[in-house]
Amino acid sequence: MYEKYFPNKRYKHSLEFLKKHISVSEKILDLGIVNPFSEIMNQEGFQVYNTQGEDLDTDQSALKTTEYSVVTALEIFEHLLNPYVVLKEIRCDKMIVSVPLRLWFSPAYRSKTDMRDRHYHEFEDWQLDWLLEKTGWKILDRQKWTNPVSKIGVRPLLRRFTPRYYMVYAEKIK
């Protein structure tokens, strides 16, 4: 259904995970500008509002003023210098987070043309878990998946067996 979107495997897993935990009647604040996956969520009936491209490291006003019951932070925390501050400012009780996992055989992503498109963090699963726990969230479900590529070589072979993405559903501890 979402074959026109790249990377459709990640979107398929993300949508299944979202539907497992979040009702379409809930308002979602998706951290980051409108993107192909936020469009998919809208097409699936979810009420999705995005942040407007502000630097969330320095400006968390969207987290304080928007009415929402769920936050999705999909492939965003690795781009922030300080995701701790953002996590502390979230005002709702439910959150879905996904991050690329740190791969021992591949360097962290860094765009050579866009200075803002960098991964400051590529997490190991325990690091994201600890960050969420430290900021008052309890993980209730988690999932990992691979990202194989159709190339020949050692790294492509390792990508067939090594999880690349980590997604969690967490609720605020009261």
Protein backbone atom coordinates (compact mmCIF):
# COMPACT_ATOMS: atom_id res chain seq x y z
CA MET A 1 0.00 0.00 0.00
CA TYR A 2 2.85 2.39 0.80
CA GLU A 3 5.26 1.12 -1.84
CA LYS A 4 5.65 4.64 -3.25
CA TYR A 5 7.19 5.69 0.05
CA PHE A 6 10.75 4.92 0.93
CA PRO A 7 11.62 3.16 3.19
CA ASN A 8 8.38 1.21 3.15
CA LYS A 9 9.52 -1.59 5.50
CA ARG A 10 10.15 0.90 8.29
CA TYR A 11 6.82 2.63 7.60
CA LYS A 12 4.97 -0.69 7.60
CA HIS A 13 6.43 -1.69 10.99
CA SER A 14 5.85 1.80 12.41
CA LEU A 15 2.20 1.87 11.30
CA GLU A 16 1.48 -1.59 12.72
CA PHE A 17 3.07 -0.60 16.04
CA LEU A 18 1.15 2.70 16.13
CA LYS A 19 -2.19 0.97 15.43
CA LYS A 20 -1.45 -1.57 18.16
CA HIS A 21 -1.19 1.14 20.83
CA ILE A 22 -2.95 4.32 19.69
CA SER A 23 -6.59 4.93 18.80
CA VAL A 24 -7.45 7.07 15.78
CA SER A 25 -9.56 9.22 18.13
CA GLU A 26 -6.42 10.48 19.90
CA LYS A 27 -4.61 13.65 18.83
CA ILE A 28 -0.98 13.06 17.92
CA LEU A 29 1.81 15.61 18.04
CA ASP A 30 4.48 14.31 15.67
CA LEU A 31 7.85 15.86 16.43
CA GLY A 32 9.33 17.23 13.24
CA ILE A 33 7.89 18.83 10.13
CA VAL A 34 5.27 17.15 7.94
CA ASN A 35 6.91 14.09 6.41
CA PRO A 36 5.87 11.00 4.43
CA PHE A 37 5.04 9.02 7.59
CA SER A 38 2.92 11.78 9.13
CA GLU A 39 1.01 11.82 5.82
CA ILE A 40 0.53 8.04 6.10
CA MET A 41 -0.81 8.47 9.65
CA ASN A 42 -3.29 11.08 8.38
CA GLN A 43 -4.37 8.79 5.53
CA GLU A 44 -4.99 6.04 8.09
CA GLY A 45 -7.38 8.30 10.03
CA PHE A 46 -5.07 9.57 12.78
CA GLN A 47 -5.28 13.25 13.79
CA VAL A 48 -1.67 14.33 13.37
CA TYR A 49 -0.15 17.73 14.04
CA ASN A 50 3.51 18.41 13.41
CA THR A 51 5.98 20.80 14.92
CA GLN A 52 6.99 23.54 12.52
CA GLY A 53 10.72 23.01 12.08
CA GLU A 54 11.78 24.89 15.20
CA ASP A 55 14.99 23.73 16.87
CA LEU A 56 13.58 21.52 19.62
CA ASP A 57 16.90 21.68 21.48
CA THR A 58 16.25 25.37 22.21
CA ASP A 59 12.50 25.83 21.65
CA GLN A 60 10.02 23.42 23.24
CA SER A 61 7.03 25.79 23.07
CA ALA A 62 5.09 23.43 20.76
CA LEU A 63 5.22 20.81 23.50
CA LYS A 64 3.78 23.22 26.05
CA THR A 65 0.98 24.84 24.05
CA THR A 66 -0.42 22.15 21.76
CA GLU A 67 -3.32 19.98 22.88
CA TYR A 68 -2.48 16.37 22.17
CA SER A 69 -2.80 13.00 23.87
CA VAL A 70 0.12 11.23 22.17
CA VAL A 71 3.57 12.26 21.00
CA THR A 72 5.34 10.44 18.21
CA ALA A 73 9.07 10.96 17.96
CA LEU A 74 10.01 8.86 14.96
CA GLU A 75 13.61 9.13 13.87
CA ILE A 76 14.03 12.51 15.59
CA PHE A 77 15.90 12.08 18.88
CA GLU A 78 19.14 11.10 17.13
CA HIS A 79 19.19 14.58 15.56
CA LEU A 80 18.87 16.43 18.88
CA LEU A 81 21.81 17.42 21.03
CA ASN A 82 19.69 17.06 24.18
CA PRO A 83 16.64 14.81 23.87
CA TYR A 84 16.43 14.79 27.69
CA VAL A 85 15.02 18.35 27.72
CA VAL A 86 12.41 17.54 25.07
CA LEU A 87 11.30 14.38 26.89
CA LYS A 88 10.89 16.31 30.16
CA GLU A 89 8.67 18.93 28.45
CA ILE A 90 6.18 16.51 26.88
CA ARG A 91 2.78 17.08 28.52
CA CYS A 92 0.85 13.99 27.46
CA ASP A 93 0.82 10.49 28.94
CA LYS A 94 1.61 8.38 25.83
CA MET A 95 4.53 8.34 23.46
CA ILE A 96 5.89 6.27 20.61
CA VAL A 97 9.58 6.69 19.87
CA SER A 98 11.75 5.13 17.20
CA VAL A 99 15.47 5.56 16.72
CA PRO A 100 18.13 4.04 14.49
CA LEU A 101 20.32 1.74 16.52
CA ARG A 102 24.05 2.20 16.70
CA LEU A 103 25.71 -0.33 14.43
CA TRP A 104 29.20 -1.40 15.38
CA PHE A 105 30.11 -1.95 11.73
CA SER A 106 28.86 1.37 10.35
CA PRO A 107 29.68 4.99 11.27
CA ALA A 108 27.03 7.41 12.50
CA TYR A 109 25.10 9.17 9.75
CA ARG A 110 26.32 12.63 8.74
CA SER A 111 25.16 14.49 5.66
CA LYS A 112 27.99 16.16 3.80
CA THR A 113 25.66 18.80 2.30
CA ASP A 114 23.20 19.64 5.10
CA MET A 115 24.82 20.72 8.37
CA ARG A 116 21.57 20.11 10.27
CA ASP A 117 21.13 16.54 9.00
CA ARG A 118 23.37 14.70 11.44
CA HIS A 119 22.99 11.95 13.99
CA TYR A 120 24.35 13.26 17.25
CA HIS A 121 23.20 10.05 18.91
CA GLU A 122 22.78 6.58 17.52
CA PHE A 123 21.45 4.72 20.48
CA GLU A 124 21.89 1.25 21.79
CA ASP A 125 18.53 -0.01 23.03
CA TRP A 126 19.54 0.22 26.70
CA GLN A 127 20.55 3.89 26.23
CA LEU A 128 17.12 4.91 24.92
CA ASP A 129 15.46 2.84 27.66
CA TRP A 130 17.54 4.59 30.31
CA LEU A 131 16.85 8.05 28.83
CA LEU A 132 13.10 7.39 28.88
CA GLU A 133 13.23 6.01 32.43
CA LYS A 134 15.28 8.98 33.64
CA THR A 135 12.75 11.43 32.16
CA GLY A 136 9.72 9.77 33.76
CA TRP A 137 8.52 7.29 31.12
CA LYS A 138 7.78 3.59 31.48
CA ILE A 139 8.25 1.41 28.40
CA LEU A 140 5.30 -0.95 27.91
CA ASP A 141 6.22 -2.41 24.52
CA ARG A 142 9.28 -2.52 22.29
CA GLN A 143 10.23 -3.83 18.89
CA LYS A 144 13.39 -4.06 16.78
CA TRP A 145 13.79 -4.81 13.11
CA THR A 146 16.48 -5.11 10.49
CA ASN A 147 17.05 -3.01 7.39
CA PRO A 148 18.56 -5.29 4.76
CA VAL A 149 19.84 -3.77 1.56
CA SER A 150 20.22 -5.42 -1.83
CA LYS A 151 23.95 -4.88 -2.16
CA ILE A 152 26.84 -7.30 -2.01
CA GLY A 153 29.40 -7.09 0.76
CA VAL A 154 30.06 -7.65 4.44
CA ARG A 155 27.99 -4.68 5.69
CA PRO A 156 24.92 -5.60 3.60
CA LEU A 157 25.18 -9.16 4.91
CA LEU A 158 25.38 -7.91 8.51
CA ARG A 159 22.33 -5.67 7.91
CA ARG A 160 20.27 -8.80 7.20
CA PHE A 161 20.79 -10.02 10.77
CA THR A 162 21.50 -6.94 12.86
CA PRO A 163 18.51 -4.86 14.03
CA ARG A 164 18.75 -1.29 12.74
CA TYR A 165 15.60 0.27 14.21
CA TYR A 166 14.20 0.30 17.73
CA MET A 167 10.65 1.44 18.56
CA VAL A 168 9.01 1.74 21.96
CA TYR A 169 5.60 2.58 23.35
CA ALA A 170 5.91 4.36 26.69
CA GLU A 171 3.58 5.99 29.17
CA LYS A 172 4.32 8.78 31.62
CA ILE A 173 4.89 7.58 35.17
CA LYS A 174 2.47 9.35 37.51
